[in-house]
């Protein structure tokens, strides 16, 4: 699979930043900003020692993203501290998810990363208790519409987002990693049971579950559009976790156990073909039977490659079809047809009411 995209080229080989033209920089920085990867480029330039060889304006732009990333990390760490304070005296098992977990573990994929919220997971039978704790500690609901409040509590896998008025960092309190209506909603107790306790008392998923969570968030529950950051984070995880041979031995069996084999196939396929991720041959062979049929595979390849980066692949009507096709696919996998039709109809008419 040939990929013609300046941002992807720079992510794969940061040293080529030295030779970029003004036009290439404009395109690269625009895409990097839209993809949430400008901070990553700045880190890479400093890491290989070429930052001072770049145009002065680029250095200034990179410096601003460095500050943003550092500020984001501090805010997330402080929010983790505030959550810990709110839960003081409790022995409840609370799992940090996504960016919070990456930061707590000091993972390589956090370089240049900006997180806008903190995700945590707690057992479903303790979700009301957790909500009461956070509301008493000063957090407030961001969603106040009656329909949205009811929808969150009946179908998705989390409480309505909570935000503290003094810090403006929202926390998403999950009881699962996929909506309860999803066709692939896993038994999350299996993931909680194998989570690892950190020094601050919080837990994080095992390495296999961390990457599988990222994968299903991108290829199952979220939008693939402009999700290049998710894929390169998975690329980083394969590289970092893959240093332990036990990771590769556990990855596919764990995906089978949780029902995530198709999503894992897509992650491995696109990571290898876009970033050249080093995936052991036996892993590629073992995951292949769980891939889609030829027609579905061709459609997914067309749609994903058309929209995963802001300026990659499909244009015009083809890009529109890819974006909407993946959007419909994510909702189709997320909830049954009748509920989906009802939910989208309500959102459709509410949009026109808001416009009016």
Protein backbone atom coordinates (compact mmCIF):
# COMPACT_ATOMS: atom_id res chain seq x y z
CA UNK A 1 0.00 0.00 0.00
CA UNK A 2 1.63 3.21 -1.19
CA UNK A 3 0.91 6.25 0.99
CA UNK A 4 1.48 9.73 -0.44
CA UNK A 5 1.10 12.12 2.47
CA UNK A 6 3.63 14.60 3.81
CA UNK A 7 2.54 14.25 7.45
CA UNK A 8 2.85 10.48 7.39
CA UNK A 9 6.23 10.75 5.65
CA UNK A 10 7.50 13.07 8.39
CA UNK A 11 6.12 10.87 11.17
CA UNK A 12 7.92 7.88 9.68
CA UNK A 13 11.18 9.74 8.96
CA UNK A 14 11.43 12.93 11.07
CA UNK A 15 14.82 13.76 9.57
CA UNK A 16 13.20 14.84 6.31
CA UNK A 17 11.85 17.91 8.12
CA UNK A 18 15.19 19.56 7.38
CA UNK A 19 14.46 19.61 3.65
CA UNK A 20 10.78 20.61 3.57
CA UNK A 21 9.77 23.53 1.38
CA UNK A 22 7.52 26.37 2.59
CA UNK A 23 4.54 24.78 0.83
CA UNK A 24 5.27 21.38 2.35
CA UNK A 25 5.54 22.93 5.81
CA UNK A 26 2.20 24.67 5.37
CA UNK A 27 0.52 21.41 4.42
CA UNK A 28 2.31 19.36 7.07
CA UNK A 29 1.61 21.74 9.94
CA UNK A 30 -2.02 22.19 8.94
CA UNK A 31 -2.57 18.43 8.88
CA UNK A 32 -0.58 17.92 12.07
CA UNK A 33 -2.72 20.48 13.90
CA UNK A 34 -5.96 18.90 12.65
CA UNK A 35 -4.71 15.43 13.62
CA UNK A 36 -3.43 16.45 17.06
CA UNK A 37 0.13 15.54 16.09
CA UNK A 38 1.96 18.87 15.94
CA UNK A 39 3.41 18.28 19.40
CA UNK A 40 4.63 14.89 18.24
CA UNK A 41 6.53 16.47 15.33
CA UNK A 42 8.12 18.97 17.71
CA UNK A 43 9.27 16.19 20.02
CA UNK A 44 10.69 14.18 17.13
CA UNK A 45 12.62 17.21 15.83
CA UNK A 46 14.17 17.80 19.24
CA UNK A 47 14.78 14.11 19.85
CA UNK A 48 16.93 13.71 16.73
CA UNK A 49 18.63 17.08 17.21
CA UNK A 50 17.39 19.00 14.16
CA UNK A 51 15.13 21.56 15.83
CA UNK A 52 17.63 24.42 15.38
CA UNK A 53 17.98 23.63 11.68
CA UNK A 54 14.29 24.22 11.01
CA UNK A 55 12.82 27.58 9.90
CA UNK A 56 12.45 30.09 12.75
CA UNK A 57 8.67 30.24 12.36
CA UNK A 58 8.45 26.46 12.60
CA UNK A 59 10.57 26.53 15.76
CA UNK A 60 8.20 29.09 17.28
CA UNK A 61 5.16 27.02 16.34
CA UNK A 62 6.75 23.90 17.79
CA UNK A 63 7.59 25.74 21.02
CA UNK A 64 3.94 26.70 21.48
CA UNK A 65 2.90 23.08 21.04
CA UNK A 66 5.54 22.01 23.54
CA UNK A 67 3.99 24.35 26.09
CA UNK A 68 0.49 23.07 25.27
CA UNK A 69 1.55 19.46 25.70
CA UNK A 70 3.38 20.11 28.97
CA UNK A 71 0.43 22.11 30.28
CA UNK A 72 -2.00 19.34 29.30
CA UNK A 73 0.08 16.73 31.10
CA UNK A 74 0.24 18.84 34.26
CA UNK A 75 -3.54 19.37 34.18
CA UNK A 76 -4.25 15.66 33.74
CA UNK A 77 -1.86 14.76 36.57
CA UNK A 78 -3.53 17.34 38.81
CA UNK A 79 -6.99 16.05 37.90
CA UNK A 80 -5.84 12.53 38.80
CA UNK A 81 -4.70 13.98 42.13
CA UNK A 82 -8.10 15.65 42.65
CA UNK A 83 -9.94 12.43 41.85
CA UNK A 84 -7.72 10.61 44.33
CA UNK A 85 -8.58 13.22 46.95
CA UNK A 86 -12.30 12.89 46.25
CA UNK A 87 -12.03 9.12 46.70
CA UNK A 88 -9.90 9.38 49.85
CA UNK A 89 -10.70 6.63 52.32
CA UNK A 90 -12.18 4.37 49.65
CA UNK A 91 -10.63 1.08 48.63
CA UNK A 92 -12.60 1.06 45.37
CA UNK A 93 -10.66 -0.24 42.36
CA UNK A 94 -10.47 2.67 39.90
CA UNK A 95 -8.80 2.16 36.51
CA UNK A 96 -7.21 5.02 34.57
CA UNK A 97 -7.98 4.87 30.85
CA UNK A 98 -6.46 6.32 27.66
CA UNK A 99 -4.33 9.45 28.19
CA UNK A 100 -4.42 9.24 31.98
CA UNK A 101 -3.10 5.67 31.85
CA UNK A 102 -0.48 6.55 29.23
CA UNK A 103 0.81 9.39 31.41
CA UNK A 104 0.77 7.33 34.59
CA UNK A 105 2.76 4.55 32.92
CA UNK A 106 5.16 7.00 31.24
CA UNK A 107 4.48 5.48 27.82
CA UNK A 108 6.31 6.66 24.71
CA UNK A 109 3.06 7.59 22.95
CA UNK A 110 2.54 10.50 25.37
CA UNK A 111 5.27 12.65 23.78
CA UNK A 112 3.74 15.85 22.45
CA UNK A 113 0.26 14.58 23.31
CA UNK A 114 -2.56 16.86 24.41
CA UNK A 115 -5.39 15.35 26.48
CA UNK A 116 -8.57 17.32 27.08
CA UNK A 117 -10.21 15.01 29.61
CA UNK A 118 -9.56 12.25 32.11
CA UNK A 119 -11.18 8.85 31.62
CA UNK A 120 -11.60 6.43 34.50
CA UNK A 121 -13.39 3.10 34.85
CA UNK A 122 -15.20 1.66 37.83
CA UNK A 123 -17.42 -1.39 38.35
CA UNK A 124 -20.95 -0.82 37.07
CA UNK A 125 -22.58 -1.54 40.40
CA UNK A 126 -20.55 1.32 41.91
CA UNK A 127 -21.24 3.91 39.23
CA UNK A 128 -23.98 5.72 41.19
CA UNK A 129 -21.71 5.85 44.24
CA UNK A 130 -18.92 7.37 42.15
CA UNK A 131 -21.25 9.98 40.62
CA UNK A 132 -22.43 11.04 44.07
CA UNK A 133 -18.82 11.34 45.29
CA UNK A 134 -17.78 13.56 42.39
CA UNK A 135 -20.85 15.80 42.53
CA UNK A 136 -20.29 16.38 46.24
CA UNK A 137 -16.63 17.19 45.51
CA UNK A 138 -17.59 19.98 43.12
CA UNK A 139 -17.82 18.43 39.65
CA UNK A 140 -20.88 19.33 37.58
CA UNK A 141 -22.70 17.65 34.70
CA UNK A 142 -21.86 19.01 31.25
CA UNK A 143 -24.97 17.39 29.76
CA UNK A 144 -28.15 18.90 31.19
CA UNK A 145 -30.65 18.01 28.45
CA UNK A 146 -33.20 15.52 29.82
CA UNK A 147 -33.02 13.26 26.76
CA UNK A 148 -29.21 13.11 26.80
CA UNK A 149 -29.14 12.46 30.54
CA UNK A 150 -31.63 9.61 30.14
CA UNK A 151 -29.80 8.23 27.09
CA UNK A 152 -26.42 8.21 28.88
CA UNK A 153 -27.85 6.34 31.84
CA UNK A 154 -29.70 3.69 29.84
CA UNK A 155 -27.42 2.83 26.93
CA UNK A 156 -23.79 4.04 26.82
CA UNK A 157 -20.89 2.84 28.91
CA UNK A 158 -20.35 5.96 31.00
CA UNK A 159 -21.92 8.69 33.04
CA UNK A 160 -22.68 12.03 31.40
CA UNK A 161 -19.34 13.94 31.35
CA UNK A 162 -18.46 15.80 34.55
CA UNK A 163 -16.41 18.99 34.71
CA UNK A 164 -15.04 20.96 37.63
CA UNK A 165 -15.84 24.69 37.27
CA UNK A 166 -12.43 25.71 38.63
CA UNK A 167 -10.30 23.57 36.32
CA UNK A 168 -12.35 22.92 33.17
CA UNK A 169 -10.95 19.40 32.75
CA UNK A 170 -13.80 16.95 32.30
CA UNK A 171 -13.79 13.45 33.71
CA UNK A 172 -15.58 10.61 31.95
CA UNK A 173 -16.59 7.91 34.42
CA UNK A 174 -16.95 4.61 32.57
CA UNK A 175 -18.32 1.25 33.64
CA UNK A 176 -17.29 -0.41 30.36
CA UNK A 177 -15.10 0.45 27.38
CA UNK A 178 -17.93 0.05 24.84
CA UNK A 179 -21.63 0.94 25.04
CA UNK A 180 -23.81 -1.73 26.59
CA UNK A 181 -25.77 -1.79 23.31
CA UNK A 182 -22.65 -2.55 21.24
CA UNK A 183 -22.44 -5.85 19.43
CA UNK A 184 -18.98 -6.34 20.89
CA UNK A 185 -19.49 -5.04 24.44
CA UNK A 186 -16.97 -7.12 26.44
CA UNK A 187 -17.08 -8.58 29.91
CA UNK A 188 -15.08 -5.72 31.39
CA UNK A 189 -14.62 -7.54 34.69
CA UNK A 190 -11.98 -9.63 32.91
CA UNK A 191 -10.05 -6.45 32.10
CA UNK A 192 -10.45 -5.06 35.61
CA UNK A 193 -9.25 -8.32 37.16
CA UNK A 194 -5.96 -8.25 35.25
CA UNK A 195 -5.34 -4.51 35.71
CA UNK A 196 -2.12 -3.44 37.41
CA UNK A 197 -1.92 -1.24 40.51
CA UNK A 198 0.24 1.89 40.22
CA UNK A 199 2.12 3.74 42.95
CA UNK A 200 -0.64 6.33 43.36
CA UNK A 201 -3.23 3.64 44.12
CA UNK A 202 -5.00 3.77 40.76
CA UNK A 203 -4.96 0.85 38.31
CA UNK A 204 -4.19 0.59 34.60
CA UNK A 205 -5.06 -2.20 32.19
CA UNK A 206 -2.53 -4.83 31.20
CA UNK A 207 -0.46 -3.94 28.13
CA UNK A 208 -2.62 -6.17 25.92
CA UNK A 209 -5.81 -4.54 27.16
CA UNK A 210 -4.39 -1.01 26.83
CA UNK A 211 -3.73 -1.44 23.12
CA UNK A 212 -6.98 -3.36 22.53
CA UNK A 213 -8.89 -0.51 24.17
CA UNK A 214 -7.19 1.98 21.84
CA UNK A 215 -7.98 -0.23 18.87
CA UNK A 216 -11.68 -0.71 19.58
CA UNK A 217 -12.02 2.99 20.36
CA UNK A 218 -10.78 3.75 16.85
CA UNK A 219 -12.14 0.91 14.73
CA UNK A 220 -15.27 -0.03 16.67
CA UNK A 221 -16.68 2.74 18.82
CA UNK A 222 -15.20 5.93 17.39
CA UNK A 223 -14.88 7.75 14.11
CA UNK A 224 -11.94 6.74 11.92
CA UNK A 225 -11.93 10.18 10.31
CA UNK A 226 -8.76 12.12 11.18
CA UNK A 227 -7.79 9.39 13.68
CA UNK A 228 -4.18 9.17 12.57
CA UNK A 229 -3.09 9.97 16.13
CA UNK A 230 -4.80 6.82 17.41
CA UNK A 231 -3.02 4.70 14.82
CA UNK A 232 0.44 6.09 15.50
CA UNK A 233 -0.15 5.59 19.22
CA UNK A 234 -0.88 1.95 18.45
CA UNK A 235 2.29 1.88 16.34
CA UNK A 236 4.21 3.17 19.40
CA UNK A 237 2.53 0.59 21.64
CA UNK A 238 3.39 -2.30 19.32
CA UNK A 239 7.00 -1.11 19.39
CA UNK A 240 7.12 -0.53 23.16
CA UNK A 241 5.10 -3.50 24.39
CA UNK A 242 6.52 -5.77 21.68
CA UNK A 243 9.92 -5.75 23.38
CA UNK A 244 8.37 -8.30 25.72
CA UNK A 245 7.78 -11.54 23.82
CA UNK A 246 5.01 -12.37 26.26
CA UNK A 247 3.00 -9.48 24.83
CA UNK A 248 2.83 -11.08 21.38
CA UNK A 249 1.97 -14.46 22.90
CA UNK A 250 -0.99 -12.96 24.80
CA UNK A 251 -2.30 -10.41 22.28
CA UNK A 252 -4.40 -12.52 19.90
CA UNK A 253 -5.72 -14.93 22.58
CA UNK A 254 -6.82 -11.89 24.58
CA UNK A 255 -8.49 -10.36 21.52
CA UNK A 256 -10.34 -13.65 20.98
CA UNK A 257 -11.41 -13.75 24.63
CA UNK A 258 -12.78 -10.20 24.52
CA UNK A 259 -14.21 -10.43 20.99
CA UNK A 260 -11.89 -7.83 19.43
CA UNK A 261 -10.22 -9.84 16.69
CA UNK A 262 -11.67 -7.91 13.72
CA UNK A 263 -10.64 -4.56 15.21
CA UNK A 264 -7.17 -5.96 15.96
CA UNK A 265 -6.88 -7.12 12.37
CA UNK A 266 -7.61 -3.60 11.11
CA UNK A 267 -5.11 -2.04 13.51
CA UNK A 268 -2.32 -4.42 12.50
CA UNK A 269 -3.15 -4.06 8.81
CA UNK A 270 -3.19 -0.26 8.73
CA UNK A 271 -0.31 0.24 11.17
CA UNK A 272 1.92 -2.01 9.10
CA UNK A 273 0.86 -0.58 5.74
CA UNK A 274 0.87 3.09 6.73
CA UNK A 275 3.72 3.28 9.24
CA UNK A 276 5.64 0.11 8.45
CA UNK A 277 5.12 -1.11 12.02
CA UNK A 278 7.27 -4.12 12.85
CA UNK A 279 4.71 -6.88 13.45
CA UNK A 280 5.99 -10.48 13.79
CA UNK A 281 5.11 -12.65 10.80
CA UNK A 282 3.34 -15.22 12.96
CA UNK A 283 1.04 -12.51 14.36
CA UNK A 284 0.08 -11.38 10.86
CA UNK A 285 -0.59 -14.98 9.88
CA UNK A 286 -2.57 -15.75 13.03
CA UNK A 287 -4.81 -12.66 12.80
CA UNK A 288 -5.52 -13.02 9.07
CA UNK A 289 -8.40 -15.54 9.47
CA UNK A 290 -10.23 -12.97 11.59
CA UNK A 291 -10.10 -10.34 8.87
CA UNK A 292 -13.02 -9.34 6.63
CA UNK A 293 -13.99 -10.94 3.33
CA UNK A 294 -12.55 -9.51 0.12
CA UNK A 295 -15.42 -7.10 -0.56
CA UNK A 296 -15.69 -5.77 3.00
CA UNK A 297 -11.92 -5.50 3.20
CA UNK A 298 -11.75 -3.47 -0.02
CA UNK A 299 -14.51 -1.12 1.16
CA UNK A 300 -12.86 -0.60 4.54
CA UNK A 301 -9.48 0.01 2.93
CA UNK A 302 -11.00 2.63 0.63
CA UNK A 303 -12.90 4.40 3.40
CA UNK A 304 -10.15 4.34 6.05
CA UNK A 305 -7.41 5.46 3.68
CA UNK A 306 -9.71 8.19 2.43
CA UNK A 307 -10.26 9.89 5.76
CA UNK A 308 -7.75 8.78 8.39
CA UNK A 309 -5.68 11.89 7.69
CA UNK A 310 -7.19 15.28 6.73
CA UNK A 311 -5.45 15.43 3.35
CA UNK A 312 -5.07 11.77 2.44
CA UNK A 313 -6.85 9.66 -0.14
CA UNK A 314 -10.41 10.34 -1.24
CA UNK A 315 -11.59 13.78 -2.38
CA UNK A 316 -14.97 15.33 -3.04
CA UNK A 317 -17.88 12.90 -3.17
CA UNK A 318 -15.59 9.94 -2.46
CA UNK A 319 -14.39 11.53 0.77
CA UNK A 320 -17.96 12.42 1.73
CA UNK A 321 -19.01 8.81 1.13
CA UNK A 322 -16.08 7.51 3.17
CA UNK A 323 -16.77 9.84 6.09
CA UNK A 324 -20.46 9.07 6.23
CA UNK A 325 -19.98 5.38 5.55
CA UNK A 326 -17.66 5.03 8.54
CA UNK A 327 -19.95 7.19 10.68
CA UNK A 328 -22.94 4.94 9.89
CA UNK A 329 -20.79 1.84 10.45
CA UNK A 330 -19.70 3.01 13.92
CA UNK A 331 -23.31 3.67 14.95
CA UNK A 332 -24.50 0.40 13.43
CA UNK A 333 -21.99 -1.48 15.54
CA UNK A 334 -22.79 0.64 18.59
CA UNK A 335 -26.53 0.02 18.91
CA UNK A 336 -29.37 -2.08 17.43
CA UNK A 337 -31.19 -0.73 14.32
CA UNK A 338 -34.43 0.39 16.00
CA UNK A 339 -32.63 2.25 18.78
CA UNK A 340 -30.17 3.71 16.26
CA UNK A 341 -32.97 5.01 14.01
CA UNK A 342 -34.78 6.55 16.97
CA UNK A 343 -31.61 8.16 18.36
CA UNK A 344 -30.47 9.61 15.02
CA UNK A 345 -33.98 10.91 14.28
CA UNK A 346 -34.11 12.75 17.61
CA UNK A 347 -30.61 14.19 17.07
CA UNK A 348 -31.57 15.26 13.54
CA UNK A 349 -34.62 17.25 14.63
CA UNK A 350 -32.83 18.67 17.67
CA UNK A 351 -30.13 20.03 15.36
CA UNK A 352 -32.72 22.00 13.39
CA UNK A 353 -34.26 23.28 16.61
CA UNK A 354 -30.82 24.45 17.77
CA UNK A 355 -30.22 26.16 14.39
CA UNK A 356 -33.55 27.94 14.67
